[in-house]
Protein backbone atom coordinates (compact mmCIF):
# COMPACT_ATOMS: atom_id res chain seq x y z
CA MET A 1 197.52 -49.40 74.16
CA LYS A 2 196.24 -52.80 75.22
CA SER A 3 198.55 -55.82 75.10
CA GLY A 4 198.52 -57.45 71.67
CA LEU A 5 196.99 -54.41 69.99
CA LEU A 6 199.19 -53.24 67.11
CA PHE A 7 197.08 -50.29 65.97
CA TYR A 8 194.25 -48.20 67.40
CA GLU A 9 192.55 -45.15 65.92
CA LYS A 10 189.40 -43.25 66.75
CA GLN A 11 188.37 -40.72 64.13
CA GLN A 12 185.55 -38.22 64.43
CA PHE A 13 183.90 -35.76 62.06
CA ARG A 14 185.83 -32.59 62.88
CA GLN A 15 185.96 -30.88 59.50
CA TRP A 16 185.72 -27.12 60.11
CA TRP A 17 183.35 -26.55 57.17
CA LEU A 18 180.83 -29.08 58.53
CA TRP A 19 180.68 -27.39 61.93
CA VAL A 20 180.48 -23.89 60.45
CA LEU A 21 177.58 -25.05 58.27
CA LEU A 22 175.79 -26.65 61.24
CA ALA A 23 176.41 -23.57 63.40
CA VAL A 24 174.94 -21.28 60.73
CA ILE A 25 171.90 -23.52 60.29
CA ASN A 26 171.36 -23.69 64.06
CA VAL A 27 171.65 -19.90 64.42
CA VAL A 28 169.25 -19.33 61.53
CA MET A 29 166.77 -21.72 63.15
CA VAL A 30 167.08 -20.46 66.73
CA TYR A 31 167.23 -16.70 66.01
CA PRO A 32 163.53 -16.36 65.14
CA LEU A 33 162.66 -18.37 68.25
CA ILE A 34 164.56 -15.90 70.44
CA ILE A 35 163.28 -12.75 68.69
CA ASN A 36 159.66 -13.93 68.72
CA SER A 37 159.79 -15.79 72.00
CA ASP A 38 156.24 -14.75 72.91
CA ILE A 39 154.79 -16.52 69.84
CA VAL A 40 156.99 -19.59 69.56
CA ARG A 41 155.23 -22.27 67.56
CA LEU A 42 155.54 -25.94 68.48
CA PRO A 43 156.74 -27.05 65.00
CA ALA A 44 159.61 -24.55 65.10
CA LEU A 45 160.59 -25.69 68.58
CA VAL A 46 160.44 -29.36 67.53
CA GLY A 47 162.47 -28.59 64.39
CA GLU A 48 165.23 -26.87 66.35
CA THR A 49 165.28 -29.66 68.95
CA VAL A 50 165.68 -32.25 66.18
CA LEU A 51 168.45 -30.18 64.55
CA LEU A 52 170.31 -29.86 67.87
CA LEU A 53 170.00 -33.62 68.47
CA ILE A 54 171.37 -34.34 64.98
CA THR A 55 174.25 -31.91 65.60
CA PHE A 56 175.07 -33.62 68.91
CA TRP A 57 174.82 -37.05 67.25
CA LEU A 58 177.25 -36.00 64.48
CA TRP A 59 179.67 -34.68 67.12
CA ARG A 60 179.66 -38.09 68.83
CA LEU A 61 179.99 -40.24 65.68
CA ALA A 62 183.32 -42.02 65.54
CA LEU A 63 185.11 -44.60 63.44
CA VAL A 64 187.21 -46.92 65.60
CA THR A 65 189.78 -49.19 63.99
CA LYS A 66 191.89 -51.77 65.82
CA ILE A 67 194.44 -54.21 64.44
CA ASP A 68 195.98 -57.15 66.23
CA LYS A 69 197.53 -60.49 65.24
CA LYS A 70 194.05 -62.02 64.83
CA GLY A 71 192.66 -59.44 62.41
CA ILE A 72 191.11 -56.04 61.88
CA TYR A 73 188.25 -54.69 64.01
CA VAL A 74 186.03 -51.83 62.83
CA LYS A 75 183.22 -50.06 64.62
CA PHE A 76 181.27 -46.99 63.54
CA GLU A 77 180.02 -45.81 66.92
CA SER A 78 176.32 -44.92 66.91
CA PHE A 79 175.73 -47.45 64.11
CA HIS A 80 177.49 -50.62 65.21
CA ARG A 81 176.89 -52.13 68.61
CA ASP A 82 179.95 -54.38 68.39
CA PHE A 83 183.11 -54.39 66.36
CA LYS A 84 183.01 -55.97 62.89
CA PHE A 85 185.86 -58.45 62.78
CA TYR A 86 187.88 -59.25 59.67
CA ASP A 87 190.08 -62.31 60.25
CA TRP A 88 193.53 -62.40 58.64
CA LYS A 89 192.60 -65.87 57.35
CA ASN A 90 190.01 -64.25 55.06
CA ILE A 91 192.26 -61.39 53.93
CA ASP A 92 194.45 -61.82 50.87
CA TYR A 93 196.46 -58.62 51.38
CA CYS A 94 196.25 -54.94 52.37
CA GLU A 95 197.65 -51.79 50.87
CA ILE A 96 197.81 -48.24 52.14
CA LYS A 97 196.70 -45.83 49.46
CA LYS A 98 195.38 -42.38 48.72
CA TYR A 99 191.81 -42.15 47.46
CA ASN A 100 189.12 -39.59 46.73
CA PRO A 101 186.27 -40.10 49.23
CA ILE A 102 183.70 -38.31 47.07
CA MET A 103 184.67 -39.71 43.66
CA ASP A 104 185.56 -43.23 44.81
CA TYR A 105 182.93 -43.84 47.51
CA GLY A 106 180.38 -41.03 47.31
CA GLY A 107 181.52 -39.19 50.44
CA TRP A 108 182.30 -39.92 54.05
CA GLY A 109 180.66 -42.26 56.55
CA ILE A 110 179.52 -45.82 56.05
CA ARG A 111 179.67 -46.41 52.31
CA ILE A 112 179.49 -49.43 50.04
CA GLY A 113 183.03 -50.72 50.26
CA ALA A 114 184.32 -48.08 52.68
CA TYR A 115 184.30 -46.69 56.18
CA ASN A 116 185.78 -43.22 56.33
CA VAL A 117 185.48 -40.05 58.34
CA SER A 118 188.09 -37.61 57.09
CA GLY A 119 191.14 -37.33 54.93
CA ASN A 120 192.06 -39.23 51.80
CA THR A 121 194.32 -42.03 53.02
CA GLY A 122 193.29 -45.51 54.04
CA VAL A 123 194.02 -49.18 54.03
CA LEU A 124 192.43 -51.07 51.16
CA ILE A 125 191.73 -54.63 52.28
CA TYR A 126 191.53 -57.30 49.58
CA PHE A 127 189.60 -60.35 50.73
CA LYS A 128 190.17 -63.85 49.40
CA ASP A 129 186.58 -63.93 48.09
CA GLY A 130 187.31 -60.97 45.79
CA LYS A 131 185.63 -58.28 47.89
CA LYS A 132 187.41 -55.08 48.93
CA LEU A 133 187.03 -52.70 51.86
CA MET A 134 188.60 -49.26 52.33
CA LEU A 135 189.18 -48.10 55.91
CA GLY A 136 190.10 -44.44 56.18
CA THR A 137 192.91 -43.39 58.49
CA ASN A 138 194.65 -40.26 59.72
CA LYS A 139 197.52 -42.33 61.16
CA GLU A 140 199.11 -43.62 57.97
CA ASP A 141 202.58 -44.19 59.46
CA GLU A 142 201.30 -46.07 62.52
CA LEU A 143 199.04 -48.18 60.32
CA PHE A 144 201.95 -49.01 58.01
CA THR A 145 204.03 -50.08 61.02
CA ALA A 146 201.20 -52.30 62.29
CA LEU A 147 200.74 -53.94 58.90
CA ASN A 148 204.50 -54.57 58.71
CA GLN A 149 204.21 -56.50 61.96
CA ILE A 150 201.63 -58.80 60.35
CA GLU A 151 203.88 -60.78 58.04
CA SER A 152 202.73 -61.36 54.47
CA LYS A 153 199.79 -58.95 54.80
CA ASN A 154 201.65 -55.82 53.77
CA PRO A 155 202.23 -55.42 50.01
CA SER A 156 205.14 -52.97 50.34
């Protein structure tokens, strides 16, 4: 871990059900292309190419969260070029809590008020302007330790 960095996490979409679903869809799409290889149509080939590119893109998607004494940095790789920075000066407090990604935020990914990839635990950031942001995590204990090192930002 880099000097000054209190917390680092890189999460990726690795839910088994997602990859089984994508594998089934890819097999269903590519099977007719293999069986009827002598009469492959361009639209079918383009469709499978697009599906494979989307599958590869989903495999590479990642939520990166970093915390240091200056603030919280968040980057959803493939969407954000640079980290979004949330300065401690603008944060009222944070709390680690359980949540329901589907019921509370409409699923996983970049959502209104949330960045999450998997699981149901995150840090809810309360900003001084009244806004809130949920950042999902799979490293609850390490995150709690990092927040404890930032005095007055941990509600516990």
